[in-house]
């Protein structure tokens, strides 16, 4: 499985729609099997999602994201975990341990569910 996290200086980037950096993490048997930095176009809605498809991403973990982006990702079979905040390595660990839904990983002010 491949998960993608939008990144900025070691943290989850605050807004997916204009993000430029992406960390793609290969998960095998519940462990990180590989990590690769990738670039996102950051300037066109469809191009952001197209890049995720090209990279064969199944899960996107990101900060704020617009509903049209969520809808496009969903149409491509990509599961989105939005409004996540924190250090990238801590988020990866939380994902692996199935505890990403805890309040400490939510963006300030976000009251919704993952």
Protein backbone atom coordinates (compact mmCIF):
# COMPACT_ATOMS: atom_id res chain seq x y z
CA UNK A 1 0.00 0.00 0.00
CA UNK A 2 1.16 3.53 -0.71
CA UNK A 3 0.21 6.46 1.45
CA UNK A 4 1.03 10.04 0.55
CA UNK A 5 1.52 12.91 2.95
CA UNK A 6 1.80 16.52 1.89
CA UNK A 7 4.86 17.97 3.60
CA UNK A 8 6.44 21.29 4.45
CA UNK A 9 9.67 21.49 6.47
CA UNK A 10 9.03 18.15 8.21
CA UNK A 11 5.39 18.89 9.01
CA UNK A 12 2.11 18.12 7.27
CA UNK A 13 1.57 21.05 4.91
CA UNK A 14 -1.41 23.20 5.86
CA UNK A 15 -3.32 23.17 2.53
CA UNK A 16 -3.33 20.31 0.01
CA UNK A 17 -4.78 22.36 -2.85
CA UNK A 18 -1.55 24.36 -3.27
CA UNK A 19 0.96 21.90 -1.78
CA UNK A 20 4.17 21.32 -3.71
CA UNK A 21 5.86 18.54 -1.73
CA UNK A 22 4.70 15.03 -1.14
CA UNK A 23 6.15 12.10 0.75
CA UNK A 24 5.06 8.73 -0.63
CA UNK A 25 5.45 5.93 1.89
CA UNK A 26 5.27 2.27 0.89
CA UNK A 27 3.70 0.18 3.64
CA UNK A 28 4.31 -3.57 3.64
CA UNK A 29 3.11 -5.89 6.38
CA UNK A 30 2.35 -2.95 8.68
CA UNK A 31 5.82 -1.42 8.37
CA UNK A 32 7.47 1.29 6.30
CA UNK A 33 9.13 -0.44 3.35
CA UNK A 34 10.19 2.72 1.52
CA UNK A 35 9.93 6.50 1.39
CA UNK A 36 10.26 8.82 -1.57
CA UNK A 37 9.91 12.57 -1.90
CA UNK A 38 7.85 13.70 -4.87
CA UNK A 39 6.72 17.02 -6.29
CA UNK A 40 3.14 18.19 -6.82
CA UNK A 41 2.16 20.77 -9.43
CA UNK A 42 0.43 22.93 -6.79
CA UNK A 43 -1.38 25.08 -9.31
CA UNK A 44 -4.26 23.12 -10.82
CA UNK A 45 -6.91 21.09 -9.04
CA UNK A 46 -7.02 18.14 -11.41
CA UNK A 47 -3.22 18.04 -11.74
CA UNK A 48 -2.80 17.52 -7.99
CA UNK A 49 -5.04 14.44 -8.03
CA UNK A 50 -3.60 13.19 -11.34
CA UNK A 51 -0.15 13.15 -9.74
CA UNK A 52 -1.42 10.98 -6.88
CA UNK A 53 -2.91 8.58 -9.42
CA UNK A 54 0.40 8.46 -11.36
CA UNK A 55 2.18 7.55 -8.13
CA UNK A 56 -0.36 4.78 -7.39
CA UNK A 57 -1.33 6.30 -4.04
CA UNK A 58 -4.21 4.66 -2.15
CA UNK A 59 -4.34 6.98 0.90
CA UNK A 60 -3.75 10.74 1.16
CA UNK A 61 -3.00 12.31 4.53
CA UNK A 62 -3.08 16.09 4.39
CA UNK A 63 -4.01 19.34 6.06
CA UNK A 64 -6.95 21.39 4.82
CA UNK A 65 -8.37 20.31 1.48
CA UNK A 66 -11.25 21.65 -0.60
CA UNK A 67 -14.35 19.51 -1.15
CA UNK A 68 -13.81 19.39 -4.95
CA UNK A 69 -10.35 17.88 -4.31
CA UNK A 70 -11.81 15.31 -1.90
CA UNK A 71 -14.46 14.41 -4.47
CA UNK A 72 -11.87 13.96 -7.24
CA UNK A 73 -9.65 11.84 -5.01
CA UNK A 74 -12.62 9.71 -3.99
CA UNK A 75 -13.58 9.23 -7.66
CA UNK A 76 -10.05 7.83 -8.22
CA UNK A 77 -10.34 5.46 -5.25
CA UNK A 78 -8.02 7.48 -3.02
CA UNK A 79 -9.03 7.61 0.64
CA UNK A 80 -8.44 11.06 2.12
CA UNK A 81 -7.60 11.77 5.76
CA UNK A 82 -7.98 15.57 5.83
CA UNK A 83 -7.26 18.28 8.39
CA UNK A 84 -4.29 16.43 9.87
CA UNK A 85 -1.59 18.40 11.64
CA UNK A 86 1.77 17.39 13.06
CA UNK A 87 5.28 16.23 12.33
CA UNK A 88 5.44 13.87 9.38
CA UNK A 89 7.22 11.03 11.19
CA UNK A 90 4.72 11.18 14.07
CA UNK A 91 1.84 11.07 11.60
CA UNK A 92 3.30 8.01 9.85
CA UNK A 93 3.69 6.25 13.20
CA UNK A 94 0.11 7.18 14.15
CA UNK A 95 -1.13 5.79 10.82
CA UNK A 96 0.72 2.52 11.35
CA UNK A 97 -0.65 2.23 14.90
CA UNK A 98 -4.22 3.09 13.81
CA UNK A 99 -4.41 6.17 16.04
CA UNK A 100 -4.44 8.96 13.47
CA UNK A 101 -8.01 9.84 14.51
CA UNK A 102 -6.89 11.22 17.90
CA UNK A 103 -7.49 14.90 18.61
CA UNK A 104 -3.78 15.64 18.87
CA UNK A 105 -3.39 15.07 15.12
CA UNK A 106 -6.23 17.36 14.02
CA UNK A 107 -5.70 20.85 12.70
CA UNK A 108 -6.60 23.52 15.25
CA UNK A 109 -10.28 24.38 14.96
CA UNK A 110 -11.24 21.18 13.11
CA UNK A 111 -14.15 19.45 14.85
CA UNK A 112 -15.13 16.87 12.23
CA UNK A 113 -14.40 13.18 12.01
CA UNK A 114 -11.86 11.32 9.88
